[in-house]
């Protein structure tokens, strides 16, 4: 059974940091590219970051570039999103997802999704 379980969300003040984790099971994690997405209330789900299966390629949305860093540990079947200099507009539910096909921002390329973790940034 495929599972992606996000953790690490919470309430933080603007300018603060959080580190999200996503633990994967039920599939060959090291063969999948991984992505992070977020969805704020009343808004569409949007791409945040993606990382290749090997970890050597990363891709970020313009809104988080320079502040967020994606990484992974294939030995632990876990992908991370380090979020620094958080802003109130980063408030959303954050999801991780697994893609067999590429390091992409396209949600349709992702086969597996987690349930999400809430990140709230207060001003």
PDB file of N, CA and C in Angstrom:
ATOM      1  N   UNK A   1       0.845  -1.190   0.000  1.00  0.00           N
ATOM      2  CA  UNK A   1       0.000   0.000   0.000  1.00  0.00           C
ATOM      3  C   UNK A   1       0.885   1.247   0.000  1.00  0.00           C
ATOM      4  N   UNK A   2       0.664   2.088  -0.992  1.00  0.00           N
ATOM      5  CA  UNK A   2       1.449   3.313  -1.114  1.00  0.00           C
ATOM      6  C   UNK A   2       1.015   4.327  -0.049  1.00  0.00           C
ATOM      7  N   UNK A   3       2.002   4.889   0.607  1.00  0.00           N
ATOM      8  CA  UNK A   3       1.715   5.948   1.581  1.00  0.00           C
ATOM      9  C   UNK A   3       2.754   7.050   1.482  1.00  0.00           C
ATOM     10  N   UNK A   4       2.285   8.280   1.544  1.00  0.00           N
ATOM     11  CA  UNK A   4       3.126   9.455   1.702  1.00  0.00           C
ATOM     12  C   UNK A   4       2.562  10.208   2.897  1.00  0.00           C
ATOM     13  N   UNK A   5       3.390  10.386   3.902  1.00  0.00           N
ATOM     14  CA  UNK A   5       2.923  11.004   5.147  1.00  0.00           C
ATOM     15  C   UNK A   5       3.776  12.234   5.443  1.00  0.00           C
ATOM     16  N   UNK A   6       3.133  13.391   5.360  1.00  0.00           N
ATOM     17  CA  UNK A   6       3.821  14.647   5.640  1.00  0.00           C
ATOM     18  C   UNK A   6       3.786  14.956   7.136  1.00  0.00           C
ATOM     19  N   UNK A   7       4.807  15.644   7.588  1.00  0.00           N
ATOM     20  CA  UNK A   7       4.858  16.105   8.969  1.00  0.00           C
ATOM     21  C   UNK A   7       5.713  17.358   9.044  1.00  0.00           C
ATOM     22  N   UNK A   8       5.654  18.032  10.192  1.00  0.00           N
ATOM     23  CA  UNK A   8       6.496  19.198  10.395  1.00  0.00           C
ATOM     24  C   UNK A   8       5.804  20.533  10.246  1.00  0.00           C
ATOM     25  N   UNK A   9       4.544  20.511   9.863  1.00  0.00           N
ATOM     26  CA  UNK A   9       3.823  21.760   9.739  1.00  0.00           C
ATOM     27  C   UNK A   9       3.508  22.353  11.106  1.00  0.00           C
ATOM     28  N   UNK A  10       2.985  23.570  11.092  1.00  0.00           N
ATOM     29  CA  UNK A  10       2.641  24.223  12.348  1.00  0.00           C
ATOM     30  C   UNK A  10       2.453  25.706  12.171  1.00  0.00           C
ATOM     31  N   UNK A  11       2.433  26.400  13.292  1.00  0.00           N
ATOM     32  CA  UNK A  11       2.257  27.851  13.314  1.00  0.00           C
ATOM     33  C   UNK A  11       3.605  28.504  13.580  1.00  0.00           C
ATOM     34  N   UNK A  12       3.954  29.473  12.755  1.00  0.00           N
ATOM     35  CA  UNK A  12       5.234  30.157  12.899  1.00  0.00           C
ATOM     36  C   UNK A  12       5.033  31.637  12.570  1.00  0.00           C
ATOM     37  N   UNK A  13       5.851  32.470  13.160  1.00  0.00           N
ATOM     38  CA  UNK A  13       5.780  33.901  12.853  1.00  0.00           C
ATOM     39  C   UNK A  13       6.495  34.197  11.542  1.00  0.00           C
ATOM     40  N   UNK A  14       6.082  35.263  10.920  1.00  0.00           N
ATOM     41  CA  UNK A  14       6.743  35.697   9.685  1.00  0.00           C
ATOM     42  C   UNK A  14       8.239  35.876   9.937  1.00  0.00           C
ATOM     43  N   UNK A  15       9.030  35.401   8.979  1.00  0.00           N
ATOM     44  CA  UNK A  15      10.467  35.431   9.109  1.00  0.00           C
ATOM     45  C   UNK A  15      11.049  34.167   9.695  1.00  0.00           C
ATOM     46  N   UNK A  16      10.197  33.316  10.218  1.00  0.00           N
ATOM     47  CA  UNK A  16      10.645  32.082  10.835  1.00  0.00           C
ATOM     48  C   UNK A  16      10.868  30.962   9.828  1.00  0.00           C
ATOM     49  N   UNK A  17      11.162  29.786  10.370  1.00  0.00           N
ATOM     50  CA  UNK A  17      11.488  28.626   9.539  1.00  0.00           C
ATOM     51  C   UNK A  17      10.721  27.398  10.001  1.00  0.00           C
ATOM     52  N   UNK A  18      10.484  26.517   9.056  1.00  0.00           N
ATOM     53  CA  UNK A  18       9.938  25.195   9.327  1.00  0.00           C
ATOM     54  C   UNK A  18      10.599  24.212   8.387  1.00  0.00           C
ATOM     55  N   UNK A  19      10.659  22.959   8.814  1.00  0.00           N
ATOM     56  CA  UNK A  19      11.146  21.882   7.955  1.00  0.00           C
ATOM     57  C   UNK A  19      10.075  20.822   7.853  1.00  0.00           C
ATOM     58  N   UNK A  20       9.575  20.645   6.650  1.00  0.00           N
ATOM     59  CA  UNK A  20       8.591  19.607   6.403  1.00  0.00           C
ATOM     60  C   UNK A  20       9.298  18.317   6.012  1.00  0.00           C
ATOM     61  N   UNK A  21       8.710  17.206   6.412  1.00  0.00           N
ATOM     62  CA  UNK A  21       9.190  15.885   6.019  1.00  0.00           C
ATOM     63  C   UNK A  21       8.054  15.122   5.363  1.00  0.00           C
ATOM     64  N   UNK A  22       8.415  14.225   4.488  1.00  0.00           N
ATOM     65  CA  UNK A  22       7.435  13.358   3.834  1.00  0.00           C
ATOM     66  C   UNK A  22       8.032  11.963   3.784  1.00  0.00           C
ATOM     67  N   UNK A  23       7.438  11.054   4.544  1.00  0.00           N
ATOM     68  CA  UNK A  23       7.912   9.677   4.596  1.00  0.00           C
ATOM     69  C   UNK A  23       7.124   8.824   3.626  1.00  0.00           C
ATOM     70  N   UNK A  24       7.834   8.094   2.781  1.00  0.00           N
ATOM     71  CA  UNK A  24       7.210   7.291   1.736  1.00  0.00           C
ATOM     72  C   UNK A  24       7.324   5.810   2.036  1.00  0.00           C
ATOM     73  N   UNK A  25       6.318   5.066   1.625  1.00  0.00           N
ATOM     74  CA  UNK A  25       6.348   3.608   1.739  1.00  0.00           C
ATOM     75  C   UNK A  25       5.448   3.005   0.679  1.00  0.00           C
ATOM     76  N   UNK A  26       5.689   1.735   0.372  1.00  0.00           N
ATOM     77  CA  UNK A  26       4.831   1.022  -0.557  1.00  0.00           C
ATOM     78  C   UNK A  26       5.205   1.135  -2.017  1.00  0.00           C
ATOM     79  N   UNK A  27       6.283   1.841  -2.311  1.00  0.00           N
ATOM     80  CA  UNK A  27       6.782   1.926  -3.682  1.00  0.00           C
ATOM     81  C   UNK A  27       8.286   2.170  -3.609  1.00  0.00           C
ATOM     82  N   UNK A  28       8.946   2.050  -4.752  1.00  0.00           N
ATOM     83  CA  UNK A  28      10.403   2.213  -4.787  1.00  0.00           C
ATOM     84  C   UNK A  28      10.738   3.698  -4.832  1.00  0.00           C
ATOM     85  N   UNK A  29      10.872   4.257  -3.670  1.00  0.00           N
ATOM     86  CA  UNK A  29      11.051   5.708  -3.510  1.00  0.00           C
ATOM     87  C   UNK A  29      12.201   6.241  -4.352  1.00  0.00           C
ATOM     88  N   UNK A  30      13.312   5.534  -4.389  1.00  0.00           N
ATOM     89  CA  UNK A  30      14.511   6.036  -5.054  1.00  0.00           C
ATOM     90  C   UNK A  30      14.366   6.126  -6.566  1.00  0.00           C
ATOM     91  N   UNK A  31      13.287   5.599  -7.105  1.00  0.00           N
ATOM     92  CA  UNK A  31      13.051   5.672  -8.546  1.00  0.00           C
ATOM     93  C   UNK A  31      12.058   6.770  -8.928  1.00  0.00           C
ATOM     94  N   UNK A  32      11.598   7.506  -7.938  1.00  0.00           N
ATOM     95  CA  UNK A  32      10.605   8.541  -8.181  1.00  0.00           C
ATOM     96  C   UNK A  32      11.169   9.924  -7.906  1.00  0.00           C
ATOM     97  N   UNK A  33      10.830  10.828  -8.793  1.00  0.00           N
ATOM     98  CA  UNK A  33      11.043  12.237  -8.504  1.00  0.00           C
ATOM     99  C   UNK A  33       9.945  12.665  -7.527  1.00  0.00           C
ATOM    100  N   UNK A  34      10.264  13.635  -6.699  1.00  0.00           N
ATOM    101  CA  UNK A  34       9.312  14.063  -5.678  1.00  0.00           C
ATOM    102  C   UNK A  34       9.000  15.548  -5.814  1.00  0.00           C
ATOM    103  N   UNK A  35       7.770  15.873  -5.487  1.00  0.00           N
ATOM    104  CA  UNK A  35       7.365  17.269  -5.563  1.00  0.00           C
ATOM    105  C   UNK A  35       6.681  17.722  -4.285  1.00  0.00           C
ATOM    106  N   UNK A  36       6.690  19.029  -4.098  1.00  0.00           N
ATOM    107  CA  UNK A  36       5.932  19.664  -3.019  1.00  0.00           C
ATOM    108  C   UNK A  36       4.958  20.648  -3.655  1.00  0.00           C
ATOM    109  N   UNK A  37       3.746  20.611  -3.169  1.00  0.00           N
ATOM    110  CA  UNK A  37       2.696  21.506  -3.629  1.00  0.00           C
ATOM    111  C   UNK A  37       2.021  22.110  -2.399  1.00  0.00           C
ATOM    112  N   UNK A  38       1.252  23.151  -2.628  1.00  0.00           N
ATOM    113  CA  UNK A  38       0.501  23.732  -1.515  1.00  0.00           C
ATOM    114  C   UNK A  38      -0.836  24.247  -2.016  1.00  0.00           C
ATOM    115  N   UNK A  39      -1.774  24.337  -1.077  1.00  0.00           N
ATOM    116  CA  UNK A  39      -3.100  24.845  -1.408  1.00  0.00           C
ATOM    117  C   UNK A  39      -3.604  25.696  -0.264  1.00  0.00           C
ATOM    118  N   UNK A  40      -3.843  26.951  -0.572  1.00  0.00           N
ATOM    119  CA  UNK A  40      -4.411  27.879   0.396  1.00  0.00           C
ATOM    120  C   UNK A  40      -5.930  27.870   0.266  1.00  0.00           C
ATOM    121  N   UNK A  41      -6.640  28.264   1.306  1.00  0.00           N
ATOM    122  CA  UNK A  41      -8.108  28.262   1.246  1.00  0.00           C
ATOM    123  C   UNK A  41      -8.628  29.080   0.076  1.00  0.00           C
ATOM    124  N   UNK A  42      -9.516  28.482  -0.698  1.00  0.00           N
ATOM    125  CA  UNK A  42     -10.114  29.179  -1.822  1.00  0.00           C
ATOM    126  C   UNK A  42      -9.238  29.313  -3.048  1.00  0.00           C
ATOM    127  N   UNK A  43      -8.073  28.672  -3.021  1.00  0.00           N
ATOM    128  CA  UNK A  43      -7.156  28.774  -4.148  1.00  0.00           C
ATOM    129  C   UNK A  43      -6.862  27.404  -4.735  1.00  0.00           C
ATOM    130  N   UNK A  44      -6.341  27.418  -5.953  1.00  0.00           N
ATOM    131  CA  UNK A  44      -5.932  26.194  -6.608  1.00  0.00           C
ATOM    132  C   UNK A  44      -4.652  25.658  -5.965  1.00  0.00           C
ATOM    133  N   UNK A  45      -4.465  24.341  -6.081  1.00  0.00           N
ATOM    134  CA  UNK A  45      -3.213  23.754  -5.635  1.00  0.00           C
ATOM    135  C   UNK A  45      -2.099  24.261  -6.543  1.00  0.00           C
ATOM    136  N   UNK A  46      -0.976  24.658  -5.935  1.00  0.00           N
ATOM    137  CA  UNK A  46       0.113  25.209  -6.730  1.00  0.00           C
ATOM    138  C   UNK A  46       1.421  24.497  -6.433  1.00  0.00           C
ATOM    139  N   UNK A  47       2.257  24.489  -7.441  1.00  0.00           N
ATOM    140  CA  UNK A  47       3.576  23.876  -7.341  1.00  0.00           C
ATOM    141  C   UNK A  47       4.481  24.707  -6.446  1.00  0.00           C
ATOM    142  N   UNK A  48       5.294  24.021  -5.646  1.00  0.00           N
ATOM    143  CA  UNK A  48       6.269  24.694  -4.789  1.00  0.00           C
ATOM    144  C   UNK A  48       7.687  24.301  -5.187  1.00  0.00           C
ATOM    145  N   UNK A  49       7.969  22.997  -5.219  1.00  0.00           N
ATOM    146  CA  UNK A  49       9.332  22.539  -5.488  1.00  0.00           C
ATOM    147  C   UNK A  49       9.294  21.104  -5.970  1.00  0.00           C
ATOM    148  N   UNK A  50      10.344  20.715  -6.672  1.00  0.00           N
ATOM    149  CA  UNK A  50      10.499  19.330  -7.100  1.00  0.00           C
ATOM    150  C   UNK A  50      11.971  18.948  -7.012  1.00  0.00           C
ATOM    151  N   UNK A  51      12.206  17.650  -6.825  1.00  0.00           N
ATOM    152  CA  UNK A  51      13.574  17.161  -6.711  1.00  0.00           C
ATOM    153  C   UNK A  51      13.661  15.828  -7.438  1.00  0.00           C
ATOM    154  N   UNK A  52      14.751  15.637  -8.153  1.00  0.00           N
ATOM    155  CA  UNK A  52      14.923  14.415  -8.928  1.00  0.00           C
ATOM    156  C   UNK A  52      15.156  13.215  -8.019  1.00  0.00           C
ATOM    157  N   UNK A  53      15.068  12.029  -8.604  1.00  0.00           N
ATOM    158  CA  UNK A  53      15.220  10.813  -7.812  1.00  0.00           C
ATOM    159  C   UNK A  53      16.567  10.755  -7.105  1.00  0.00           C
ATOM    160  N   UNK A  54      17.600  11.300  -7.758  1.00  0.00           N
ATOM    161  CA  UNK A  54      18.940  11.266  -7.182  1.00  0.00           C
ATOM    162  C   UNK A  54      19.208  12.454  -6.264  1.00  0.00           C
ATOM    163  N   UNK A  55      18.360  13.456  -6.341  1.00  0.00           N
ATOM    164  CA  UNK A  55      18.555  14.646  -5.529  1.00  0.00           C
ATOM    165  C   UNK A  55      19.427  15.702  -6.151  1.00  0.00           C
ATOM    166  N   UNK A  56      19.944  15.463  -7.352  1.00  0.00           N
ATOM    167  CA  UNK A  56      20.894  16.413  -7.930  1.00  0.00           C
ATOM    168  C   UNK A  56      20.231  17.489  -8.782  1.00  0.00           C
ATOM    169  N   UNK A  57      18.933  17.359  -8.995  1.00  0.00           N
ATOM    170  CA  UNK A  57      18.200  18.393  -9.738  1.00  0.00           C
ATOM    171  C   UNK A  57      17.041  18.865  -8.875  1.00  0.00           C
ATOM    172  N   UNK A  58      16.942  20.160  -8.713  1.00  0.00           N
ATOM    173  CA  UNK A  58      15.820  20.746  -7.998  1.00  0.00           C
ATOM    174  C   UNK A  58      15.212  21.863  -8.832  1.00  0.00           C
ATOM    175  N   UNK A  59      13.974  22.150  -8.529  1.00  0.00           N
ATOM    176  CA  UNK A  59      13.197  23.089  -9.343  1.00  0.00           C
ATOM    177  C   UNK A  59      12.207  23.761  -8.395  1.00  0.00           C
ATOM    178  N   UNK A  60      12.142  25.091  -8.453  1.00  0.00           N
ATOM    179  CA  UNK A  60      11.317  25.827  -7.501  1.00  0.00           C
ATOM    180  C   UNK A  60      10.410  26.809  -8.225  1.00  0.00           C
ATOM    181  N   UNK A  61       9.291  27.089  -7.598  1.00  0.00           N
ATOM    182  CA  UNK A  61       8.460  28.169  -8.096  1.00  0.00           C
ATOM    183  C   UNK A  61       9.149  29.497  -7.789  1.00  0.00           C
ATOM    184  N   UNK A  62       8.834  30.492  -8.551  1.00  0.00           N
ATOM    185  CA  UNK A  62       9.451  31.804  -8.340  1.00  0.00           C
ATOM    186  C   UNK A  62       9.134  32.360  -6.962  1.00  0.00           C
ATOM    187  N   UNK A  63       7.975  32.014  -6.436  1.00  0.00           N
ATOM    188  CA  UNK A  63       7.544  32.594  -5.161  1.00  0.00           C
ATOM    189  C   UNK A  63       8.337  32.073  -3.961  1.00  0.00           C
ATOM    190  N   UNK A  64       9.011  30.940  -4.123  1.00  0.00           N
ATOM    191  CA  UNK A  64       9.760  30.372  -2.992  1.00  0.00           C
ATOM    192  C   UNK A  64      11.258  30.267  -3.260  1.00  0.00           C
ATOM    193  N   UNK A  65      11.665  30.520  -4.488  1.00  0.00           N
ATOM    194  CA  UNK A  65      13.071  30.383  -4.848  1.00  0.00           C
ATOM    195  C   UNK A  65      13.938  31.258  -3.954  1.00  0.00           C
ATOM    196  N   UNK A  66      15.002  30.672  -3.427  1.00  0.00           N
ATOM    197  CA  UNK A  66      15.893  31.398  -2.537  1.00  0.00           C
ATOM    198  C   UNK A  66      15.506  31.316  -1.072  1.00  0.00           C
ATOM    199  N   UNK A  67      14.290  30.853  -0.803  1.00  0.00           N
ATOM    200  CA  UNK A  67      13.823  30.721   0.586  1.00  0.00           C
ATOM    201  C   UNK A  67      13.585  29.260   0.980  1.00  0.00           C
ATOM    202  N   UNK A  68      13.141  28.454   0.046  1.00  0.00           N
ATOM    203  CA  UNK A  68      12.839  27.044   0.312  1.00  0.00           C
ATOM    204  C   UNK A  68      13.894  26.162  -0.342  1.00  0.00           C
ATOM    205  N   UNK A  69      14.177  25.029   0.309  1.00  0.00           N
ATOM    206  CA  UNK A  69      15.124  24.063  -0.232  1.00  0.00           C
ATOM    207  C   UNK A  69      14.562  22.660  -0.085  1.00  0.00           C
ATOM    208  N   UNK A  70      14.495  21.952  -1.206  1.00  0.00           N
ATOM    209  CA  UNK A  70      14.072  20.559  -1.198  1.00  0.00           C
ATOM    210  C   UNK A  70      15.297  19.660  -1.120  1.00  0.00           C
ATOM    211  N   UNK A  71      15.171  18.575  -0.380  1.00  0.00           N
ATOM    212  CA  UNK A  71      16.245  17.583  -0.300  1.00  0.00           C
ATOM    213  C   UNK A  71      15.605  16.219  -0.048  1.00  0.00           C
ATOM    214  N   UNK A  72      16.407  15.195  -0.152  1.00  0.00           N
ATOM    215  CA  UNK A  72      15.874  13.847   0.080  1.00  0.00           C
ATOM    216  C   UNK A  72      16.948  12.938   0.633  1.00  0.00           C
ATOM    217  N   UNK A  73      16.491  11.900   1.325  1.00  0.00           N
ATOM    218  CA  UNK A  73      17.362  10.854   1.845  1.00  0.00           C
ATOM    219  C   UNK A  73      16.758   9.532   1.391  1.00  0.00           C
ATOM    220  N   UNK A  74      17.315   8.960   0.342  1.00  0.00           N
ATOM    221  CA  UNK A  74      16.745   7.725  -0.212  1.00  0.00           C
ATOM    222  C   UNK A  74      16.910   6.547   0.737  1.00  0.00           C
ATOM    223  N   UNK A  75      17.900   6.596   1.602  1.00  0.00           N
ATOM    224  CA  UNK A  75      18.067   5.522   2.578  1.00  0.00           C
ATOM    225  C   UNK A  75      16.935   5.523   3.607  1.00  0.00           C
ATOM    226  N   UNK A  76      16.335   6.686   3.805  1.00  0.00           N
ATOM    227  CA  UNK A  76      15.235   6.810   4.772  1.00  0.00           C
ATOM    228  C   UNK A  76      13.880   6.953   4.088  1.00  0.00           C
ATOM    229  N   UNK A  77      13.871   6.894   2.754  1.00  0.00           N
ATOM    230  CA  UNK A  77      12.627   7.046   2.002  1.00  0.00           C
ATOM    231  C   UNK A  77      11.882   8.320   2.402  1.00  0.00           C
ATOM    232  N   UNK A  78      12.622   9.393   2.508  1.00  0.00           N
ATOM    233  CA  UNK A  78      12.053  10.643   3.002  1.00  0.00           C
ATOM    234  C   UNK A  78      12.521  11.821   2.155  1.00  0.00           C
ATOM    235  N   UNK A  79      11.593  12.719   1.902  1.00  0.00           N
ATOM    236  CA  UNK A  79      11.911  13.975   1.226  1.00  0.00           C
ATOM    237  C   UNK A  79      11.585  15.109   2.187  1.00  0.00           C
ATOM    238  N   UNK A  80      12.361  16.184   2.059  1.00  0.00           N
ATOM    239  CA  UNK A  80      12.242  17.302   2.985  1.00  0.00           C
ATOM    240  C   UNK A  80      12.001  18.603   2.230  1.00  0.00           C
ATOM    241  N   UNK A  81      11.401  19.551   2.941  1.00  0.00           N
ATOM    242  CA  UNK A  81      11.288  20.912   2.419  1.00  0.00           C
ATOM    243  C   UNK A  81      11.656  21.863   3.557  1.00  0.00           C
ATOM    244  N   UNK A  82      12.836  22.445   3.441  1.00  0.00           N
ATOM    245  CA  UNK A  82      13.268  23.447   4.404  1.00  0.00           C
ATOM    246  C   UNK A  82      12.730  24.796   3.962  1.00  0.00           C
ATOM    247  N   UNK A  83      11.972  25.438   4.837  1.00  0.00           N
ATOM    248  CA  UNK A  83      11.316  26.700   4.506  1.00  0.00           C
ATOM    249  C   UNK A  83      11.843  27.792   5.430  1.00  0.00           C
ATOM    250  N   UNK A  84      12.506  28.750   4.861  1.00  0.00           N
ATOM    251  CA  UNK A  84      13.067  29.871   5.617  1.00  0.00           C
ATOM    252  C   UNK A  84      12.403  31.172   5.200  1.00  0.00           C
ATOM    253  N   UNK A  85      12.578  32.188   6.015  1.00  0.00           N
ATOM    254  CA  UNK A  85      12.027  33.518   5.726  1.00  0.00           C
ATOM    255  C   UNK A  85      10.557  33.430   5.342  1.00  0.00           C
ATOM    256  N   UNK A  86       9.816  32.713   6.146  1.00  0.00           N
ATOM    257  CA  UNK A  86       8.405  32.472   5.825  1.00  0.00           C
ATOM    258  C   UNK A  86       7.595  33.761   5.852  1.00  0.00           C
ATOM    259  N   UNK A  87       6.611  33.801   4.964  1.00  0.00           N
ATOM    260  CA  UNK A  87       5.728  34.950   4.820  1.00  0.00           C
ATOM    261  C   UNK A  87       4.283  34.518   5.059  1.00  0.00           C
ATOM    262  N   UNK A  88       3.416  35.436   5.449  1.00  0.00           N
ATOM    263  CA  UNK A  88       2.005  35.058   5.633  1.00  0.00           C
ATOM    264  C   UNK A  88       1.399  34.421   4.385  1.00  0.00           C
ATOM    265  N   UNK A  89       1.845  34.829   3.213  1.00  0.00           N
ATOM    266  CA  UNK A  89       1.301  34.256   1.975  1.00  0.00           C
ATOM    267  C   UNK A  89       1.768  32.825   1.729  1.00  0.00           C
ATOM    268  N   UNK A  90       2.668  32.321   2.562  1.00  0.00           N
ATOM    269  CA  UNK A  90       3.058  30.907   2.472  1.00  0.00           C
ATOM    270  C   UNK A  90       2.071  30.004   3.219  1.00  0.00           C
ATOM    271  N   UNK A  91       1.125  30.593   3.917  1.00  0.00           N
ATOM    272  CA  UNK A  91       0.130  29.823   4.653  1.00  0.00           C
ATOM    273  C   UNK A  91      -0.682  28.952   3.698  1.00  0.00           C
ATOM    274  N   UNK A  92      -0.699  27.651   3.970  1.00  0.00           N
ATOM    275  CA  UNK A  92      -1.386  26.695   3.093  1.00  0.00           C
ATOM    276  C   UNK A  92      -1.244  25.298   3.685  1.00  0.00           C
ATOM    277  N   UNK A  93      -1.972  24.370   3.097  1.00  0.00           N
ATOM    278  CA  UNK A  93      -1.712  22.949   3.334  1.00  0.00           C
ATOM    279  C   UNK A  93      -0.658  22.513   2.317  1.00  0.00           C
ATOM    280  N   UNK A  94       0.387  21.895   2.799  1.00  0.00           N
ATOM    281  CA  UNK A  94       1.495  21.459   1.961  1.00  0.00           C
ATOM    282  C   UNK A  94       1.414  19.950   1.738  1.00  0.00           C
ATOM    283  N   UNK A  95       1.567  19.567   0.474  1.00  0.00           N
ATOM    284  CA  UNK A  95       1.476  18.173   0.068  1.00  0.00           C
ATOM    285  C   UNK A  95       2.778  17.733  -0.594  1.00  0.00           C
ATOM    286  N   UNK A  96       3.170  16.493  -0.349  1.00  0.00           N
ATOM    287  CA  UNK A  96       4.230  15.909  -1.156  1.00  0.00           C
ATOM    288  C   UNK A  96       3.596  14.933  -2.142  1.00  0.00           C
ATOM    289  N   UNK A  97       4.309  14.690  -3.229  1.00  0.00           N
ATOM    290  CA  UNK A  97       3.798  13.830  -4.282  1.00  0.00           C
ATOM    291  C   UNK A  97       4.960  13.159  -4.995  1.00  0.00           C
ATOM    292  N   UNK A  98       4.675  12.016  -5.616  1.00  0.00           N
ATOM    293  CA  UNK A  98       5.707  11.230  -6.286  1.00  0.00           C
ATOM    294  C   UNK A  98       5.413  11.116  -7.768  1.00  0.00           C
ATOM    295  N   UNK A  99       6.445  11.372  -8.576  1.00  0.00           N
ATOM    296  CA  UNK A  99       6.318  11.334 -10.030  1.00  0.00           C
ATOM    297  C   UNK A  99       7.316  10.357 -10.629  1.00  0.00           C
ATOM    298  N   UNK A 100       6.840   9.428 -11.466  1.00  0.00           N
ATOM    299  CA  UNK A 100       7.768   8.508 -12.116  1.00  0.00           C
ATOM    300  C   UNK A 100       8.417   9.107 -13.354  1.00  0.00           C
ATOM    301  N   UNK A 101       7.854  10.223 -13.822  1.00  0.00           N
ATOM    302  CA  UNK A 101       8.226  10.674 -15.156  1.00  0.00           C
ATOM    303  C   UNK A 101       9.198  11.822 -15.255  1.00  0.00           C
ATOM    304  N   UNK A 102       9.210  12.743 -14.277  1.00  0.00           N
ATOM    305  CA  UNK A 102      10.100  13.876 -14.465  1.00  0.00           C
ATOM    306  C   UNK A 102      10.035  14.844 -13.308  1.00  0.00           C
ATOM    307  N   UNK A 103      10.982  15.771 -13.299  1.00  0.00           N
ATOM    308  CA  UNK A 103      11.007  16.828 -12.290  1.00  0.00           C
ATOM    309  C   UNK A 103      10.147  17.952 -12.855  1.00  0.00           C
ATOM    310  N   UNK A 104       8.919  18.006 -12.431  1.00  0.00           N
ATOM    311  CA  UNK A 104       7.941  18.837 -13.112  1.00  0.00           C
ATOM    312  C   UNK A 104       7.027  19.546 -12.132  1.00  0.00           C
ATOM    313  N   UNK A 105       6.433  20.624 -12.607  1.00  0.00           N
ATOM    314  CA  UNK A 105       5.438  21.361 -11.829  1.00  0.00           C
ATOM    315  C   UNK A 105       4.010  20.912 -12.147  1.00  0.00           C
ATOM    316  N   UNK A 106       3.860  20.006 -13.095  1.00  0.00           N
ATOM    317  CA  UNK A 106       2.544  19.561 -13.543  1.00  0.00           C
ATOM    318  C   UNK A 106       1.955  18.523 -12.599  1.00  0.00           C
ATOM    319  N   UNK A 107       0.828  18.846 -11.974  1.00  0.00           N
ATOM    320  CA  UNK A 107       0.226  17.927 -11.009  1.00  0.00           C
ATOM    321  C   UNK A 107      -0.153  16.598 -11.657  1.00  0.00           C
ATOM    322  N   UNK A 108      -0.494  16.614 -12.939  1.00  0.00           N
ATOM    323  CA  UNK A 108      -0.936  15.386 -13.597  1.00  0.00           C
ATOM    324  C   UNK A 108       0.191  14.380 -13.743  1.00  0.00           C
ATOM    325  N   UNK A 109       1.436  14.821 -13.566  1.00  0.00           N
ATOM    326  CA  UNK A 109       2.577  13.914 -13.683  1.00  0.00           C
ATOM    327  C   UNK A 109       2.841  13.125 -12.407  1.00  0.00           C
ATOM    328  N   UNK A 110       2.128  13.463 -11.346  1.00  0.00           N
ATOM    329  CA  UNK A 110       2.369  12.840 -10.048  1.00  0.00           C
ATOM    330  C   UNK A 110       1.340  11.745  -9.777  1.00  0.00           C
ATOM    331  N   UNK A 111       1.843  10.544  -9.485  1.00  0.00           N
ATOM    332  CA  UNK A 111       0.966   9.394  -9.273  1.00  0.00           C
ATOM    333  C   UNK A 111       0.450   9.298  -7.846  1.00  0.00           C
ATOM    334  N   UNK A 112       1.282   9.641  -6.892  1.00  0.00           N
ATOM    335  CA  UNK A 112       0.935   9.425  -5.489  1.00  0.00           C
ATOM    336  C   UNK A 112       0.999  10.749  -4.743  1.00  0.00           C
ATOM    337  N   UNK A 113       0.060  10.911  -3.811  1.00  0.00           N
ATOM    338  CA  UNK A 113      -0.050  12.153  -3.036  1.00  0.00           C
ATOM    339  C   UNK A 113      -0.234  11.837  -1.553  1.00  0.00           C
ATOM    340  N   UNK A 114       0.324  12.706  -0.722  1.00  0.00           N
ATOM    341  CA  UNK A 114       0.074  12.613   0.700  1.00  0.00           C
ATOM    342  C   UNK A 114      -1.189  13.356   1.096  1.00  0.00           C
ATOM    343  N   UNK A 115      -1.486  13.334   2.380  1.00  0.00           N
ATOM    344  CA  UNK A 115      -2.703  13.970   2.889  1.00  0.00           C
ATOM    345  C   UNK A 115      -2.503  15.431   3.254  1.00  0.00           C
ATOM    346  N   UNK A 116      -1.271  15.842   3.346  1.00  0.00           N
ATOM    347  CA  UNK A 116      -0.985  17.247   3.589  1.00  0.00           C
ATOM    348  C   UNK A 116      -0.698  17.576   5.050  1.00  0.00           C
ATOM    349  N   UNK A 117       0.021  18.681   5.246  1.00  0.00           N
ATOM    350  CA  UNK A 117       0.296  19.206   6.569  1.00  0.00           C
ATOM    351  C   UNK A 117       0.091  20.723   6.532  1.00  0.00           C
ATOM    352  N   UNK A 118      -0.544  21.248   7.558  1.00  0.00           N
ATOM    353  CA  UNK A 118      -0.894  22.664   7.575  1.00  0.00           C
ATOM    354  C   UNK A 118       0.304  23.509   8.013  1.00  0.00           C
ATOM    355  N   UNK A 119       0.561  24.544   7.255  1.00  0.00           N
ATOM    356  CA  UNK A 119       1.559  25.558   7.626  1.00  0.00           C
ATOM    357  C   UNK A 119       0.838  26.892   7.737  1.00  0.00           C
ATOM    358  N   UNK A 120       0.962  27.531   8.890  1.00  0.00           N
ATOM    359  CA  UNK A 120       0.349  28.831   9.108  1.00  0.00           C
ATOM    360  C   UNK A 120       1.420  29.824   9.533  1.00  0.00           C
ATOM    361  N   UNK A 121       1.505  30.922   8.795  1.00  0.00           N
ATOM    362  CA  UNK A 121       2.499  31.947   9.078  1.00  0.00           C
ATOM    363  C   UNK A 121       1.767  33.204   9.529  1.00  0.00           C
ATOM    364  N   UNK A 122       2.029  33.617  10.740  1.00  0.00           N
ATOM    365  CA  UNK A 122       1.365  34.803  11.279  1.00  0.00           C
ATOM    366  C   UNK A 122       2.211  36.045  11.019  1.00  0.00           C
ATOM    367  N   UNK A 123       1.529  37.158  10.851  1.00  0.00           N
ATOM    368  CA  UNK A 123       2.239  38.417  10.559  1.00  0.00           C
ATOM    369  C   UNK A 123       2.594  39.169  11.833  1.00  0.00           C
TER     370      UNK A 123
END
